[in-house]
Amino acid sequence: MTVISKSVMEEGKAAKLAGQADSSNPYPAGSQNSADWLEGYTFDEPEQNTNRAESDD
């Protein structure tokens, strides 16, 4: 993911560190600012690999 606004990303990171819910994202869903905010909010979560099919083993 490409972050366009580092300041918006920092807002998301600060919100998570403050214990706010991800629903506190103040930006419209689907917007670049919303994506950047969520990128900051999830900074400490492992990145999920969506390019690989799940195995049944």
N, C-alpha and C. Protein backbone atom coordinates (compact mmCIF):
# COMPACT_ATOMS: atom_id res chain seq x y z
N MET A 1 0.84 -1.18 0.00
CA MET A 1 0.00 0.00 0.00
C MET A 1 0.88 1.24 0.00
N THR A 2 0.49 2.22 -0.76
CA THR A 2 1.22 3.47 -0.83
C THR A 2 0.52 4.51 0.02
N VAL A 3 1.25 5.07 0.95
CA VAL A 3 0.72 6.13 1.80
C VAL A 3 0.98 7.47 1.12
N ILE A 4 -0.05 8.26 0.96
CA ILE A 4 0.06 9.57 0.33
C ILE A 4 0.31 10.64 1.40
N SER A 5 -0.43 10.55 2.50
CA SER A 5 -0.32 11.56 3.56
C SER A 5 0.23 10.94 4.84
N LYS A 6 1.49 11.24 5.11
CA LYS A 6 2.11 10.71 6.34
C LYS A 6 1.46 11.32 7.59
N SER A 7 0.99 12.56 7.49
CA SER A 7 0.35 13.17 8.66
C SER A 7 -0.97 12.48 8.99
N VAL A 8 -1.73 12.09 7.96
CA VAL A 8 -2.98 11.37 8.19
C VAL A 8 -2.66 9.98 8.76
N MET A 9 -1.61 9.35 8.25
CA MET A 9 -1.20 8.05 8.78
C MET A 9 -0.84 8.18 10.26
N GLU A 10 -0.14 9.24 10.62
CA GLU A 10 0.22 9.46 12.02
C GLU A 10 -1.02 9.67 12.89
N GLU A 11 -2.07 10.29 12.32
CA GLU A 11 -3.33 10.46 13.06
C GLU A 11 -3.92 9.09 13.40
N GLY A 12 -3.90 8.18 12.44
CA GLY A 12 -4.42 6.83 12.68
C GLY A 12 -3.61 6.10 13.73
N LYS A 13 -2.31 6.23 13.66
CA LYS A 13 -1.42 5.59 14.63
C LYS A 13 -1.70 6.14 16.03
N ALA A 14 -1.83 7.45 16.14
CA ALA A 14 -2.11 8.09 17.43
C ALA A 14 -3.46 7.65 17.98
N ALA A 15 -4.44 7.49 17.10
CA ALA A 15 -5.77 7.06 17.54
C ALA A 15 -5.69 5.66 18.16
N LYS A 16 -4.95 4.76 17.52
CA LYS A 16 -4.83 3.40 18.06
C LYS A 16 -4.11 3.42 19.39
N LEU A 17 -3.01 4.18 19.47
CA LEU A 17 -2.26 4.25 20.72
C LEU A 17 -3.09 4.87 21.85
N ALA A 18 -4.07 5.70 21.48
CA ALA A 18 -4.95 6.33 22.46
C ALA A 18 -6.12 5.42 22.84
N GLY A 19 -6.20 4.24 22.21
CA GLY A 19 -7.25 3.29 22.54
C GLY A 19 -8.56 3.51 21.82
N GLN A 20 -8.55 4.33 20.78
CA GLN A 20 -9.77 4.58 20.03
C GLN A 20 -10.07 3.39 19.10
N ALA A 21 -11.33 3.21 18.78
CA ALA A 21 -11.75 2.16 17.86
C ALA A 21 -11.42 2.56 16.43
N ASP A 22 -11.26 1.56 15.54
CA ASP A 22 -10.99 1.89 14.14
C ASP A 22 -12.17 2.63 13.50
N SER A 23 -13.34 2.54 14.11
CA SER A 23 -14.50 3.27 13.60
C SER A 23 -14.39 4.77 13.85
N SER A 24 -13.36 5.20 14.58
CA SER A 24 -13.18 6.63 14.82
C SER A 24 -12.48 7.32 13.65
N ASN A 25 -12.19 6.57 12.59
CA ASN A 25 -11.58 7.13 11.38
C ASN A 25 -12.49 8.26 10.87
N PRO A 26 -11.97 9.50 10.84
CA PRO A 26 -12.81 10.64 10.48
C PRO A 26 -12.97 10.86 8.97
N TYR A 27 -12.33 10.04 8.16
CA TYR A 27 -12.32 10.26 6.72
C TYR A 27 -13.34 9.38 6.02
N PRO A 28 -13.89 9.84 4.90
CA PRO A 28 -14.90 9.07 4.17
C PRO A 28 -14.35 7.71 3.69
N ALA A 29 -15.15 6.68 3.90
CA ALA A 29 -14.76 5.33 3.46
C ALA A 29 -14.43 5.34 1.98
N GLY A 30 -13.34 4.68 1.63
CA GLY A 30 -12.93 4.60 0.24
C GLY A 30 -12.01 5.72 -0.22
N SER A 31 -11.82 6.73 0.64
CA SER A 31 -10.96 7.84 0.26
C SER A 31 -9.50 7.50 0.55
N GLN A 32 -8.59 8.22 -0.10
CA GLN A 32 -7.16 8.00 0.15
C GLN A 32 -6.81 8.33 1.60
N ASN A 33 -7.42 9.40 2.14
CA ASN A 33 -7.15 9.74 3.53
C ASN A 33 -7.60 8.64 4.47
N SER A 34 -8.73 8.03 4.19
CA SER A 34 -9.21 6.92 5.01
C SER A 34 -8.22 5.76 4.96
N ALA A 35 -7.72 5.45 3.77
CA ALA A 35 -6.76 4.36 3.62
C ALA A 35 -5.47 4.68 4.36
N ASP A 36 -5.00 5.91 4.27
CA ASP A 36 -3.79 6.32 4.96
C ASP A 36 -3.99 6.25 6.48
N TRP A 37 -5.14 6.69 6.95
CA TRP A 37 -5.44 6.66 8.38
C TRP A 37 -5.43 5.21 8.87
N LEU A 38 -6.07 4.32 8.11
CA LEU A 38 -6.10 2.90 8.50
C LEU A 38 -4.71 2.27 8.45
N GLU A 39 -3.89 2.70 7.52
CA GLU A 39 -2.51 2.20 7.44
C GLU A 39 -1.78 2.55 8.74
N GLY A 40 -1.98 3.75 9.23
CA GLY A 40 -1.37 4.14 10.50
C GLY A 40 -1.98 3.38 11.66
N TYR A 41 -3.29 3.19 11.62
CA TYR A 41 -3.99 2.50 12.71
C TYR A 41 -3.53 1.06 12.85
N THR A 42 -3.19 0.43 11.74
CA THR A 42 -2.81 -0.98 11.77
C THR A 42 -1.29 -1.16 11.72
N PHE A 43 -0.53 -0.10 12.06
CA PHE A 43 0.93 -0.14 11.95
C PHE A 43 1.58 -1.30 12.69
N ASP A 44 0.97 -1.74 13.80
CA ASP A 44 1.61 -2.78 14.62
C ASP A 44 1.03 -4.18 14.37
N GLU A 45 0.18 -4.30 13.37
CA GLU A 45 -0.42 -5.59 13.05
C GLU A 45 0.35 -6.23 11.90
N PRO A 46 0.51 -7.56 11.95
CA PRO A 46 1.23 -8.21 10.85
C PRO A 46 0.47 -8.04 9.54
N GLU A 47 1.21 -7.86 8.47
CA GLU A 47 0.60 -7.69 7.16
C GLU A 47 0.02 -9.02 6.71
N GLN A 48 -1.19 -8.99 6.20
CA GLN A 48 -1.83 -10.21 5.73
C GLN A 48 -1.48 -10.43 4.28
N ASN A 49 -1.13 -11.65 3.94
CA ASN A 49 -0.81 -12.00 2.57
C ASN A 49 -2.08 -12.41 1.84
N THR A 50 -2.53 -11.59 0.93
CA THR A 50 -3.76 -11.89 0.19
C THR A 50 -3.46 -12.42 -1.20
N ASN A 51 -2.18 -12.63 -1.50
CA ASN A 51 -1.79 -13.12 -2.82
C ASN A 51 -1.72 -14.64 -2.90
N ARG A 52 -1.84 -15.30 -1.77
CA ARG A 52 -1.65 -16.73 -1.73
C ARG A 52 -2.96 -17.41 -1.35
N ALA A 53 -3.28 -18.49 -2.04
CA ALA A 53 -4.48 -19.25 -1.72
C ALA A 53 -4.27 -19.98 -0.40
N GLU A 54 -5.35 -20.09 0.38
CA GLU A 54 -5.25 -20.80 1.64
C GLU A 54 -5.17 -22.30 1.39
N SER A 55 -4.36 -22.97 2.19
CA SER A 55 -4.25 -24.42 2.03
C SER A 55 -5.15 -25.11 3.05
N ASP A 56 -5.49 -26.35 2.77
CA ASP A 56 -6.37 -27.11 3.65
C ASP A 56 -5.63 -28.13 4.50
N ASP A 57 -4.30 -27.98 4.64
CA ASP A 57 -3.57 -28.98 5.41
C ASP A 57 -3.53 -28.66 6.85
